[in-house]
N, C-alpha and C. Protein backbone atom coordinates (compact mmCIF):
# COMPACT_ATOMS: atom_id res chain seq x y z
N MET A 1 -16.86 -17.21 -1.50
CA MET A 1 -17.68 -16.93 -2.58
C MET A 1 -17.64 -15.60 -3.17
N LEU A 2 -17.86 -15.64 -4.49
CA LEU A 2 -17.69 -14.35 -5.05
C LEU A 2 -19.19 -13.41 -4.87
N ASP A 3 -18.91 -11.96 -4.40
CA ASP A 3 -20.30 -11.35 -4.05
C ASP A 3 -20.49 -11.08 -5.99
N ALA A 4 -21.88 -11.36 -5.84
CA ALA A 4 -22.47 -10.83 -7.33
C ALA A 4 -22.52 -9.48 -7.73
N ALA A 5 -22.34 -8.40 -6.79
CA ALA A 5 -22.37 -7.14 -6.96
C ALA A 5 -20.61 -6.25 -7.45
N SER A 6 -19.95 -7.47 -6.97
CA SER A 6 -18.44 -6.98 -7.25
C SER A 6 -17.91 -6.97 -8.32
N THR A 7 -17.16 -5.96 -8.76
CA THR A 7 -16.51 -6.67 -10.03
C THR A 7 -14.93 -6.19 -9.94
N GLY A 8 -14.63 -6.58 -11.07
CA GLY A 8 -12.71 -6.30 -11.07
C GLY A 8 -12.82 -5.26 -12.21
N PHE A 9 -11.59 -4.56 -12.63
CA PHE A 9 -11.26 -3.77 -13.83
C PHE A 9 -12.17 -3.90 -15.02
N ALA A 10 -12.54 -2.71 -15.33
CA ALA A 10 -13.65 -2.77 -17.01
C ALA A 10 -12.83 -3.23 -17.90
N ASP A 11 -11.69 -2.74 -17.89
CA ASP A 11 -10.52 -3.10 -18.92
C ASP A 11 -9.03 -3.28 -18.27
N PRO A 12 -9.17 -4.84 -17.95
CA PRO A 12 -8.07 -5.34 -17.20
C PRO A 12 -6.56 -4.87 -17.85
N VAL A 13 -6.25 -4.57 -18.88
CA VAL A 13 -4.84 -4.35 -19.13
C VAL A 13 -4.60 -2.76 -19.26
N LEU A 14 -5.62 -2.23 -19.77
CA LEU A 14 -5.36 -0.64 -19.87
C LEU A 14 -5.46 -0.09 -18.43
N ASP A 15 -6.49 -0.63 -17.56
CA ASP A 15 -6.55 -0.20 -16.24
C ASP A 15 -5.33 -0.45 -15.31
N ALA A 16 -4.77 -1.63 -15.58
CA ALA A 16 -3.49 -1.82 -14.84
C ALA A 16 -2.24 -1.26 -15.52
N GLN A 17 -2.27 -0.93 -16.50
CA GLN A 17 -1.47 -0.22 -17.09
C GLN A 17 -1.34 1.41 -16.51
N SER A 18 -2.52 1.86 -16.70
CA SER A 18 -2.67 3.48 -16.10
C SER A 18 -2.64 3.51 -14.51
N HIS A 19 -2.73 2.17 -13.74
CA HIS A 19 -2.84 2.54 -12.40
C HIS A 19 -1.43 2.33 -12.15
N PHE A 20 -0.56 1.55 -12.80
CA PHE A 20 0.69 1.01 -12.29
C PHE A 20 1.65 2.54 -12.68
N ARG A 21 1.43 3.11 -14.01
CA ARG A 21 2.21 4.45 -14.38
C ARG A 21 2.11 5.25 -12.75
N THR A 22 0.62 5.65 -12.51
CA THR A 22 0.39 6.45 -11.35
C THR A 22 1.40 6.07 -10.11
N LEU A 23 1.33 4.57 -9.75
CA LEU A 23 1.95 4.20 -8.69
C LEU A 23 3.57 4.36 -8.80
N MET A 24 4.21 4.14 -10.15
CA MET A 24 5.45 4.39 -9.82
C MET A 24 5.63 5.66 -10.10
N ASP A 25 5.05 7.02 -10.50
CA ASP A 25 5.22 8.33 -10.19
C ASP A 25 5.05 8.60 -8.90
N ALA A 26 3.86 7.79 -8.00
CA ALA A 26 4.11 8.32 -6.51
C ALA A 26 5.13 7.64 -5.81
N LEU A 27 5.76 6.69 -6.25
CA LEU A 27 7.13 6.26 -5.61
C LEU A 27 8.23 7.05 -5.96
N ALA A 28 8.33 7.44 -7.25
CA ALA A 28 9.42 8.09 -7.64
C ALA A 28 9.20 9.72 -6.84
N ARG A 29 8.24 10.01 -6.61
CA ARG A 29 8.19 11.32 -5.89
C ARG A 29 7.39 11.15 -4.39
N PRO A 30 8.24 10.85 -3.52
CA PRO A 30 7.38 10.45 -2.55
C PRO A 30 6.84 11.31 -1.90
N GLY A 31 5.64 11.37 -1.13
CA GLY A 31 4.75 12.33 -0.52
C GLY A 31 3.89 13.25 -1.41
N SER A 32 4.01 12.91 -2.58
CA SER A 32 3.23 13.89 -3.88
C SER A 32 2.00 13.10 -3.54
N ILE A 33 0.96 13.86 -3.94
CA ILE A 33 -0.26 13.13 -4.05
C ILE A 33 -0.77 13.09 -5.38
N HIS A 34 -1.44 11.81 -5.56
CA HIS A 34 -1.72 11.69 -7.32
C HIS A 34 -3.21 11.38 -6.97
N ALA A 35 -3.91 11.49 -8.00
CA ALA A 35 -5.25 11.37 -8.51
C ALA A 35 -5.35 10.05 -8.60
N PHE A 36 -6.28 9.34 -8.29
CA PHE A 36 -6.52 7.73 -8.08
C PHE A 36 -8.14 7.31 -8.33
N ARG A 37 -8.60 7.17 -9.50
CA ARG A 37 -9.95 6.95 -9.21
C ARG A 37 -10.17 5.68 -10.11
N PRO A 38 -10.11 4.46 -9.74
CA PRO A 38 -10.19 3.36 -10.18
C PRO A 38 -11.82 2.99 -10.52
N ARG A 39 -12.27 2.31 -11.77
CA ARG A 39 -13.30 1.80 -12.17
C ARG A 39 -13.74 0.49 -11.60
N LEU A 40 -13.76 0.11 -10.48
CA LEU A 40 -14.10 -1.50 -9.98
C LEU A 40 -15.10 -1.38 -8.67
N THR A 41 -15.57 -2.35 -8.37
CA THR A 41 -16.41 -2.49 -7.50
C THR A 41 -16.06 -3.67 -6.56
N PRO A 42 -15.09 -3.37 -5.55
CA PRO A 42 -14.71 -4.50 -4.79
C PRO A 42 -15.62 -4.88 -3.86
N PRO A 43 -15.80 -6.08 -2.82
CA PRO A 43 -16.51 -6.45 -2.04
C PRO A 43 -15.91 -5.86 -0.54
N GLY A 44 -17.47 -5.77 0.46
CA GLY A 44 -17.27 -5.54 1.47
C GLY A 44 -16.26 -4.15 1.86
N GLY A 45 -15.60 -4.24 2.70
CA GLY A 45 -14.75 -3.16 3.25
C GLY A 45 -13.69 -2.86 2.59
N LEU A 46 -13.46 -3.56 1.50
CA LEU A 46 -12.13 -3.29 0.68
C LEU A 46 -12.24 -2.17 -0.25
N PRO A 47 -11.50 -1.22 0.11
CA PRO A 47 -11.89 0.38 -0.36
C PRO A 47 -11.27 0.18 -1.94
N ALA A 48 -12.02 0.65 -2.85
CA ALA A 48 -11.72 0.60 -4.31
C ALA A 48 -10.35 0.80 -4.91
N GLU A 49 -9.40 1.93 -4.05
CA GLU A 49 -8.25 2.25 -4.23
C GLU A 49 -7.15 1.10 -4.08
N LEU A 50 -7.42 0.51 -2.66
CA LEU A 50 -6.60 -0.56 -2.52
C LEU A 50 -6.83 -1.72 -3.20
N ALA A 51 -7.88 -1.89 -3.46
CA ALA A 51 -8.34 -3.04 -4.62
C ALA A 51 -7.77 -2.86 -5.82
N ALA A 52 -7.78 -1.72 -6.43
CA ALA A 52 -7.09 -1.64 -7.76
C ALA A 52 -5.73 -1.70 -7.74
N ILE A 53 -5.18 -1.03 -6.53
CA ILE A 53 -3.27 -1.39 -6.19
C ILE A 53 -3.20 -3.05 -6.43
N ALA A 54 -4.19 -3.32 -5.35
CA ALA A 54 -3.89 -5.27 -5.56
C ALA A 54 -4.08 -5.58 -6.94
N LEU A 55 -4.90 -5.13 -7.76
CA LEU A 55 -5.05 -6.21 -9.07
C LEU A 55 -4.14 -5.42 -9.72
N THR A 56 -3.58 -4.42 -9.56
CA THR A 56 -2.54 -3.80 -10.54
C THR A 56 -0.95 -4.40 -10.38
N LEU A 57 -0.66 -4.92 -8.99
CA LEU A 57 0.41 -5.24 -8.74
C LEU A 57 0.88 -7.15 -8.37
N ALA A 58 -0.36 -7.57 -8.07
CA ALA A 58 -0.35 -8.93 -7.31
C ALA A 58 -0.88 -10.08 -8.59
N ASP A 59 -0.26 -10.87 -8.45
CA ASP A 59 -0.51 -12.13 -9.58
C ASP A 59 -0.37 -13.56 -8.94
N HIS A 60 -0.44 -14.64 -9.56
CA HIS A 60 -0.44 -15.97 -8.83
C HIS A 60 0.89 -16.17 -8.22
N GLU A 61 1.64 -15.41 -8.36
CA GLU A 61 3.26 -15.73 -7.77
C GLU A 61 3.43 -14.82 -6.91
N THR A 62 2.29 -14.01 -6.20
CA THR A 62 2.61 -13.16 -4.72
C THR A 62 1.60 -13.52 -3.76
N ALA A 63 2.32 -13.28 -2.82
CA ALA A 63 1.37 -13.60 -1.47
C ALA A 63 0.77 -12.17 -0.95
N VAL A 64 -0.77 -12.37 -0.62
CA VAL A 64 -0.80 -10.99 0.09
C VAL A 64 -1.53 -11.35 1.29
N TRP A 65 -1.57 -10.49 2.52
CA TRP A 65 -2.00 -10.42 3.96
C TRP A 65 -2.82 -9.41 3.85
N LEU A 66 -3.85 -9.87 4.46
CA LEU A 66 -5.23 -9.05 4.81
C LEU A 66 -5.47 -8.74 6.44
N ASP A 67 -5.58 -7.40 6.63
CA ASP A 67 -5.85 -7.04 7.94
C ASP A 67 -7.20 -7.81 8.81
N PRO A 68 -7.19 -7.83 10.05
CA PRO A 68 -8.30 -8.75 10.24
C PRO A 68 -9.68 -8.42 9.95
N GLY A 69 -9.83 -7.24 9.60
CA GLY A 69 -11.18 -6.84 9.06
C GLY A 69 -11.31 -7.26 7.80
N LEU A 70 -10.42 -7.06 6.82
CA LEU A 70 -10.61 -7.80 5.33
C LEU A 70 -10.64 -9.29 5.50
N ALA A 71 -9.84 -9.82 6.29
CA ALA A 71 -9.85 -11.39 6.23
C ALA A 71 -11.01 -11.88 7.00
N ALA A 72 -11.55 -11.05 7.44
CA ALA A 72 -12.91 -11.64 8.23
C ALA A 72 -13.93 -12.06 7.20
N ASP A 73 -13.88 -11.13 6.06
CA ASP A 73 -14.75 -11.46 4.97
C ASP A 73 -14.37 -12.44 3.96
N PRO A 74 -15.34 -13.48 3.63
CA PRO A 74 -14.29 -14.72 2.87
C PRO A 74 -14.66 -14.06 1.33
N ALA A 75 -15.28 -13.24 0.85
CA ALA A 75 -15.89 -12.48 -0.43
C ALA A 75 -14.34 -11.70 -0.78
N VAL A 76 -13.71 -11.19 0.45
CA VAL A 76 -12.55 -10.17 -0.27
C VAL A 76 -11.44 -11.00 -0.86
N SER A 77 -11.05 -12.11 0.33
CA SER A 77 -10.16 -13.08 -0.32
C SER A 77 -10.52 -13.93 -1.75
N ALA A 78 -11.80 -14.28 -1.82
CA ALA A 78 -12.25 -15.02 -3.22
C ALA A 78 -12.02 -14.00 -4.32
N TRP A 79 -12.40 -12.35 -4.10
CA TRP A 79 -12.54 -11.56 -5.11
C TRP A 79 -10.82 -11.45 -5.69
N LEU A 80 -9.93 -11.19 -4.41
CA LEU A 80 -8.46 -11.43 -4.95
C LEU A 80 -8.07 -12.48 -5.89
N ALA A 81 -8.45 -13.84 -5.08
CA ALA A 81 -8.06 -14.80 -6.23
C ALA A 81 -8.47 -15.06 -7.36
N PHE A 82 -9.75 -14.48 -7.67
CA PHE A 82 -10.35 -14.80 -8.97
C PHE A 82 -9.57 -13.66 -10.06
N HIS A 83 -9.71 -12.41 -9.34
CA HIS A 83 -9.62 -11.42 -10.47
C HIS A 83 -7.62 -11.10 -10.41
N ALA A 84 -6.99 -11.64 -9.33
CA ALA A 84 -5.44 -11.60 -9.30
C ALA A 84 -4.89 -12.75 -9.16
N GLY A 85 -5.60 -14.07 -8.88
CA GLY A 85 -4.78 -15.22 -8.84
C GLY A 85 -3.84 -15.50 -7.65
N THR A 86 -3.79 -14.01 -6.80
CA THR A 86 -3.08 -14.41 -5.79
C THR A 86 -3.32 -15.34 -5.00
N ARG A 87 -2.57 -15.51 -3.70
CA ARG A 87 -2.88 -16.32 -2.72
C ARG A 87 -2.99 -15.33 -0.97
N ILE A 88 -3.73 -15.79 -0.59
CA ILE A 88 -3.75 -15.19 0.80
C ILE A 88 -3.03 -15.97 1.95
N THR A 89 -2.19 -15.18 2.92
CA THR A 89 -1.20 -15.78 3.52
C THR A 89 -1.53 -14.93 5.31
N VAL A 90 -1.76 -15.77 6.15
CA VAL A 90 -2.06 -15.30 7.52
C VAL A 90 -0.62 -14.75 8.17
N ASP A 91 0.69 -14.82 7.51
CA ASP A 91 2.02 -14.35 8.04
C ASP A 91 2.19 -13.27 7.35
N PRO A 92 2.40 -12.23 8.12
CA PRO A 92 2.66 -10.96 7.48
C PRO A 92 4.00 -10.94 6.80
N GLY A 93 4.87 -11.65 7.50
CA GLY A 93 6.59 -11.97 7.56
C GLY A 93 6.50 -12.37 6.16
N GLU A 94 5.49 -13.22 5.43
CA GLU A 94 5.73 -13.97 3.87
C GLU A 94 5.05 -13.01 2.90
N ALA A 95 4.18 -12.00 3.51
CA ALA A 95 3.38 -11.25 2.39
C ALA A 95 4.67 -10.32 1.63
N ASP A 96 3.99 -10.40 -0.02
CA ASP A 96 4.48 -9.51 -1.06
C ASP A 96 3.94 -8.05 -0.63
N PHE A 97 2.39 -8.31 -0.72
CA PHE A 97 1.82 -7.09 -0.29
C PHE A 97 0.75 -7.10 0.71
N ALA A 98 0.39 -6.11 1.67
CA ALA A 98 -0.33 -6.27 2.83
C ALA A 98 -1.38 -5.31 2.42
N LEU A 99 -2.59 -5.60 2.70
CA LEU A 99 -3.53 -4.74 2.79
C LEU A 99 -4.31 -4.41 4.09
N VAL A 100 -4.19 -3.01 4.05
CA VAL A 100 -4.89 -3.02 5.64
C VAL A 100 -5.48 -1.50 5.74
N THR A 101 -6.64 -1.61 6.26
CA THR A 101 -7.92 -0.67 6.58
C THR A 101 -7.95 -0.07 7.62
N ASP A 102 -7.24 -0.78 8.99
CA ASP A 102 -7.21 -0.15 9.96
C ASP A 102 -5.86 0.52 10.55
N ILE A 103 -5.27 1.50 10.14
CA ILE A 103 -3.74 1.73 10.25
C ILE A 103 -3.27 1.66 11.81
N GLY A 104 -4.53 2.16 12.63
CA GLY A 104 -4.01 2.26 14.23
C GLY A 104 -3.79 0.62 14.88
N ALA A 105 -4.53 -0.23 14.22
CA ALA A 105 -4.41 -1.87 14.57
C ALA A 105 -3.09 -2.62 13.78
N MET A 106 -2.58 -1.86 12.53
CA MET A 106 -1.57 -2.65 11.80
C MET A 106 -0.52 -3.06 12.57
N PRO A 107 0.33 -4.13 12.19
CA PRO A 107 1.03 -4.94 12.95
C PRO A 107 2.36 -3.75 12.87
N PRO A 108 3.47 -3.93 13.70
CA PRO A 108 5.11 -2.86 13.50
C PRO A 108 5.23 -3.48 12.00
N LEU A 109 6.08 -2.39 11.76
CA LEU A 109 6.64 -2.67 10.36
C LEU A 109 7.50 -3.90 10.34
N ALA A 110 8.18 -4.07 11.39
CA ALA A 110 9.35 -5.04 11.44
C ALA A 110 8.75 -6.44 11.27
N ALA A 111 7.32 -6.57 11.66
CA ALA A 111 6.57 -7.86 11.27
C ALA A 111 6.63 -8.46 9.95
N PHE A 112 6.56 -7.49 9.12
CA PHE A 112 6.51 -7.69 7.56
C PHE A 112 7.95 -7.88 6.96
N ALA A 113 7.85 -8.67 5.68
CA ALA A 113 9.23 -9.15 5.27
C ALA A 113 9.98 -7.64 4.55
N ALA A 114 11.22 -8.19 4.86
CA ALA A 114 12.20 -6.75 4.76
C ALA A 114 12.90 -7.03 3.66
N GLY A 115 12.89 -8.31 3.00
CA GLY A 115 14.03 -8.64 2.08
C GLY A 115 15.18 -8.92 2.69
N ASP A 116 16.23 -9.68 1.84
CA ASP A 116 17.56 -9.65 2.34
C ASP A 116 18.46 -8.86 1.27
N ASP A 117 19.85 -8.67 1.57
CA ASP A 117 20.89 -7.86 1.12
C ASP A 117 21.01 -8.30 -0.39
N ALA A 118 20.96 -9.75 -0.64
CA ALA A 118 20.97 -10.46 -1.90
C ALA A 118 19.57 -9.89 -2.75
N TYR A 119 18.58 -10.07 -2.06
CA TYR A 119 17.26 -9.81 -2.77
C TYR A 119 16.23 -8.76 -1.84
N PRO A 120 16.71 -7.32 -2.12
CA PRO A 120 15.97 -6.74 -1.10
C PRO A 120 14.74 -6.45 -1.68
N ASP A 121 14.37 -6.93 -2.76
CA ASP A 121 12.76 -6.63 -3.60
C ASP A 121 12.02 -7.90 -2.97
N ARG A 122 12.18 -8.68 -2.33
CA ARG A 122 11.43 -9.87 -1.50
C ARG A 122 11.01 -9.36 -0.32
N SER A 123 10.62 -8.11 -0.47
CA SER A 123 9.85 -7.39 0.56
C SER A 123 8.39 -7.26 0.60
N THR A 124 7.82 -6.62 1.63
CA THR A 124 6.39 -6.08 1.51
C THR A 124 6.22 -4.98 1.13
N THR A 125 5.19 -4.64 0.07
CA THR A 125 4.64 -3.29 0.06
C THR A 125 3.34 -3.10 0.88
N LEU A 126 3.15 -2.40 1.56
CA LEU A 126 2.03 -2.11 2.51
C LEU A 126 1.01 -1.05 1.93
N LEU A 127 -0.06 -1.60 1.64
CA LEU A 127 -1.14 -0.82 0.74
C LEU A 127 -2.25 -0.35 1.94
N ILE A 128 -2.15 0.77 2.34
CA ILE A 128 -3.10 1.23 3.62
C ILE A 128 -3.86 2.61 3.19
N ALA A 129 -5.36 2.20 3.85
CA ALA A 129 -6.23 3.00 3.28
C ALA A 129 -6.38 3.83 4.62
N VAL A 130 -6.52 5.11 4.26
CA VAL A 130 -6.61 6.10 5.33
C VAL A 130 -7.50 7.02 5.26
N ASP A 131 -8.12 7.85 6.20
CA ASP A 131 -9.19 9.12 5.86
C ASP A 131 -8.77 10.07 5.16
N ALA A 132 -7.69 10.52 4.98
CA ALA A 132 -7.21 11.58 4.41
C ALA A 132 -5.80 12.03 4.02
N LEU A 133 -5.49 12.58 2.91
CA LEU A 133 -4.02 12.67 2.52
C LEU A 133 -4.01 14.48 2.03
N SER A 134 -3.27 15.14 2.86
CA SER A 134 -3.28 16.37 2.41
C SER A 134 -1.61 16.84 1.99
N ALA A 135 -1.55 17.95 1.21
CA ALA A 135 -0.24 18.73 1.11
C ALA A 135 0.03 19.62 2.27
N GLY A 136 1.42 19.96 2.44
CA GLY A 136 1.64 20.87 3.50
C GLY A 136 1.19 20.38 5.08
N GLY A 137 1.35 19.09 5.29
CA GLY A 137 1.00 18.68 6.42
C GLY A 137 2.04 18.40 7.44
N ASP A 138 1.95 17.67 8.50
CA ASP A 138 2.78 17.46 9.59
C ASP A 138 4.11 16.89 9.59
N LEU A 139 3.97 15.96 8.36
CA LEU A 139 5.26 14.99 8.11
C LEU A 139 6.30 15.76 7.20
N VAL A 140 7.31 15.94 7.49
CA VAL A 140 8.33 16.62 6.67
C VAL A 140 9.34 15.40 6.09
N LEU A 141 9.42 15.51 4.81
CA LEU A 141 9.71 14.38 3.85
C LEU A 141 11.11 14.87 3.33
N SER A 142 12.21 14.02 3.20
CA SER A 142 13.53 14.38 2.49
C SER A 142 13.88 12.97 1.63
N GLY A 143 14.81 13.17 0.76
CA GLY A 143 15.46 12.11 0.53
C GLY A 143 15.47 11.90 -1.18
N PRO A 144 15.80 10.87 -1.84
CA PRO A 144 15.67 10.70 -3.07
C PRO A 144 14.28 11.10 -3.80
N GLY A 145 14.23 11.69 -4.66
CA GLY A 145 12.87 12.32 -5.70
C GLY A 145 12.29 13.29 -4.87
N ILE A 146 12.90 13.98 -4.07
CA ILE A 146 12.50 15.08 -3.03
C ILE A 146 13.15 16.09 -3.24
N GLU A 147 13.43 17.40 -4.06
CA GLU A 147 14.54 18.33 -4.37
C GLU A 147 14.92 19.06 -3.09
N SER A 148 14.32 19.04 -1.98
CA SER A 148 14.67 19.66 -0.71
C SER A 148 13.72 19.05 0.15
N GLU A 149 12.38 19.58 0.66
CA GLU A 149 11.78 18.81 1.66
C GLU A 149 10.30 19.08 0.90
N ARG A 150 9.55 18.11 1.56
CA ARG A 150 8.18 18.02 1.09
C ARG A 150 7.24 17.53 2.17
N ARG A 151 6.16 18.16 2.42
CA ARG A 151 5.47 18.28 3.47
C ARG A 151 4.23 17.38 3.45
N LEU A 152 3.69 16.49 4.08
CA LEU A 152 2.39 15.64 3.84
C LEU A 152 1.65 15.53 5.10
N GLY A 153 0.29 15.52 4.90
CA GLY A 153 -0.48 15.14 5.96
C GLY A 153 -1.17 13.94 5.67
N ILE A 154 -1.00 12.76 6.79
CA ILE A 154 -1.83 11.61 6.54
C ILE A 154 -2.72 11.32 7.87
N ALA A 155 -3.74 11.04 7.77
CA ALA A 155 -4.91 10.89 8.57
C ALA A 155 -5.73 9.63 8.66
N PRO A 156 -5.42 9.05 9.60
CA PRO A 156 -4.91 9.31 10.85
C PRO A 156 -3.57 8.67 10.53
N TRP A 157 -2.57 9.34 11.99
CA TRP A 157 -1.31 8.70 11.81
C TRP A 157 -0.79 8.17 12.94
N PRO A 158 -0.59 6.95 13.29
CA PRO A 158 -0.11 6.40 14.67
C PRO A 158 1.25 7.22 15.12
N ALA A 159 1.23 7.32 16.30
CA ALA A 159 2.52 7.89 16.92
C ALA A 159 3.64 7.12 16.39
N ALA A 160 3.32 5.83 16.65
CA ALA A 160 4.51 5.09 16.75
C ALA A 160 5.19 4.50 15.26
N LEU A 161 4.62 5.13 14.39
CA LEU A 161 4.76 5.20 13.19
C LEU A 161 6.13 5.68 12.19
N THR A 162 6.12 6.86 12.81
CA THR A 162 7.22 7.61 12.43
C THR A 162 8.65 7.23 13.10
N GLU A 163 8.39 6.48 14.28
CA GLU A 163 9.69 5.57 14.47
C GLU A 163 10.11 4.66 13.94
N GLN A 164 9.16 4.06 13.70
CA GLN A 164 9.20 2.56 12.93
C GLN A 164 9.74 2.95 11.33
N LEU A 165 9.24 3.98 10.61
CA LEU A 165 10.05 4.24 9.36
C LEU A 165 11.09 4.54 9.43
N ALA A 166 11.71 5.28 10.67
CA ALA A 166 12.88 5.67 10.89
C ALA A 166 13.94 4.54 10.74
N ALA A 167 13.60 3.33 11.49
CA ALA A 167 14.12 2.23 11.71
C ALA A 167 14.18 1.36 10.66
N ASN A 168 12.88 1.64 9.62
CA ASN A 168 13.02 0.70 8.22
C ASN A 168 13.93 1.29 7.48
N ARG A 169 14.23 2.61 7.35
CA ARG A 169 15.32 3.40 6.52
C ARG A 169 16.66 2.90 6.81
N THR A 170 16.74 2.35 8.14
CA THR A 170 18.20 2.11 8.28
C THR A 170 18.66 0.77 7.91
N LEU A 171 17.55 -0.10 7.42
CA LEU A 171 17.59 -1.53 6.79
C LEU A 171 18.21 -1.27 5.24
N PHE A 172 18.21 -0.27 4.54
CA PHE A 172 18.31 -0.05 3.35
C PHE A 172 19.39 -0.92 2.79
N PRO A 173 19.45 -1.73 1.73
CA PRO A 173 18.25 -1.61 0.67
C PRO A 173 17.44 -2.36 0.95
N ARG A 174 17.34 -3.06 2.15
CA ARG A 174 16.30 -3.70 2.37
C ARG A 174 15.31 -2.96 3.21
N GLY A 175 13.95 -3.36 3.55
CA GLY A 175 12.86 -2.46 4.34
C GLY A 175 11.76 -2.54 3.44
N VAL A 176 10.44 -1.84 3.89
CA VAL A 176 9.20 -2.05 3.37
C VAL A 176 8.92 -0.76 2.78
N ASP A 177 8.07 -0.76 1.85
CA ASP A 177 7.38 0.36 1.09
C ASP A 177 5.86 0.51 1.72
N LEU A 178 5.61 1.69 1.83
CA LEU A 178 4.22 2.18 1.83
C LEU A 178 3.36 2.85 1.08
N VAL A 179 2.36 2.41 0.56
CA VAL A 179 1.49 3.32 -0.21
C VAL A 179 0.35 3.61 0.44
N PHE A 180 -0.26 4.65 0.30
CA PHE A 180 -1.47 5.33 1.44
C PHE A 180 -2.48 5.54 0.27
N ALA A 181 -3.73 5.28 0.46
CA ALA A 181 -4.68 5.30 -0.45
C ALA A 181 -6.04 6.40 0.60
N THR A 182 -6.79 7.38 -0.09
CA THR A 182 -7.98 7.53 0.37
C THR A 182 -8.89 7.80 -0.32
N SER A 183 -9.95 8.22 -0.57
CA SER A 183 -11.07 8.54 -1.75
C SER A 183 -10.35 9.31 -2.95
N GLY A 184 -10.04 8.60 -4.16
CA GLY A 184 -9.48 9.33 -4.94
C GLY A 184 -7.95 9.74 -5.04
N ALA A 185 -7.21 9.32 -4.19
CA ALA A 185 -5.88 9.73 -4.14
C ALA A 185 -5.09 8.80 -3.88
N ILE A 186 -3.70 8.69 -4.10
CA ILE A 186 -2.74 7.82 -3.25
C ILE A 186 -1.58 8.61 -3.37
N ALA A 187 -0.76 8.30 -2.28
CA ALA A 187 0.72 9.00 -1.96
C ALA A 187 1.44 7.90 -1.42
N ALA A 188 2.78 7.89 -1.78
CA ALA A 188 3.87 6.78 -1.50
C ALA A 188 5.10 7.21 -0.55
N LEU A 189 5.38 6.35 0.19
CA LEU A 189 6.52 6.73 1.42
C LEU A 189 7.29 5.42 0.90
N PRO A 190 8.30 5.43 -0.09
CA PRO A 190 9.20 4.36 -0.03
C PRO A 190 10.33 4.33 1.16
N ARG A 191 11.23 3.07 0.96
CA ARG A 191 12.06 2.87 2.18
C ARG A 191 13.12 3.99 1.96
N THR A 192 13.39 4.50 1.05
CA THR A 192 14.39 5.66 0.95
C THR A 192 14.17 7.04 1.69
N THR A 193 12.89 7.09 1.78
CA THR A 193 12.45 8.64 2.27
C THR A 193 13.16 8.85 3.80
N ARG A 194 13.20 10.01 4.31
CA ARG A 194 13.66 10.27 5.28
C ARG A 194 12.15 10.89 6.22
N ILE A 195 11.90 10.83 7.16
CA ILE A 195 10.84 11.12 7.81
C ILE A 195 10.89 12.17 9.18
N ARG A 196 10.37 13.07 9.10
CA ARG A 196 10.31 13.62 10.75
C ARG A 196 9.13 14.53 10.80
N GLU A 197 8.36 14.53 12.21
CA GLU A 197 7.38 15.39 12.55
C GLU A 197 7.61 16.54 12.51
N ALA A 198 6.85 17.82 11.75
CA ALA A 198 7.09 19.12 12.01
C ALA A 198 6.57 19.62 13.60
């Protein structure tokens, strides 16, 4: 059942186009922080930034996996179904998109769809809410879209995630992509990015 206080995009076409451009720029320049201030009111514990990315990317042909905190609130899945037409899956391995609000309890990246060599785009894009994003942090990034190196701070950052991302990169062209969101900002780590801790 929809929460009467929740809303979708004020202007679905223009808002989705604007957010899509920001997302593509973030993916093209890994680790760069982009202002992201969506105008919508999602239900429950679904952060506005994750909600806006989901509405921008998901549609009736996609499946969305919700972490346990979001899955426990029927209003979240109802809101996504109403505004994006997407279906909810309980299997992270079949998800086109995963919405994560507790990065510490997130399944390992290997649990999500990595695509295959013929269709590497049939993989999961993880949309992850975090407390903070900062330039010049402990993550040292290199690879396509980065001139030399770029540093990024993501808080919290689970210790196991650096190793999982290194393993994810070896799967290329398969693998998952990650978009991190905090209040008013996003940053992306596509599968091509090399990551080490300073």
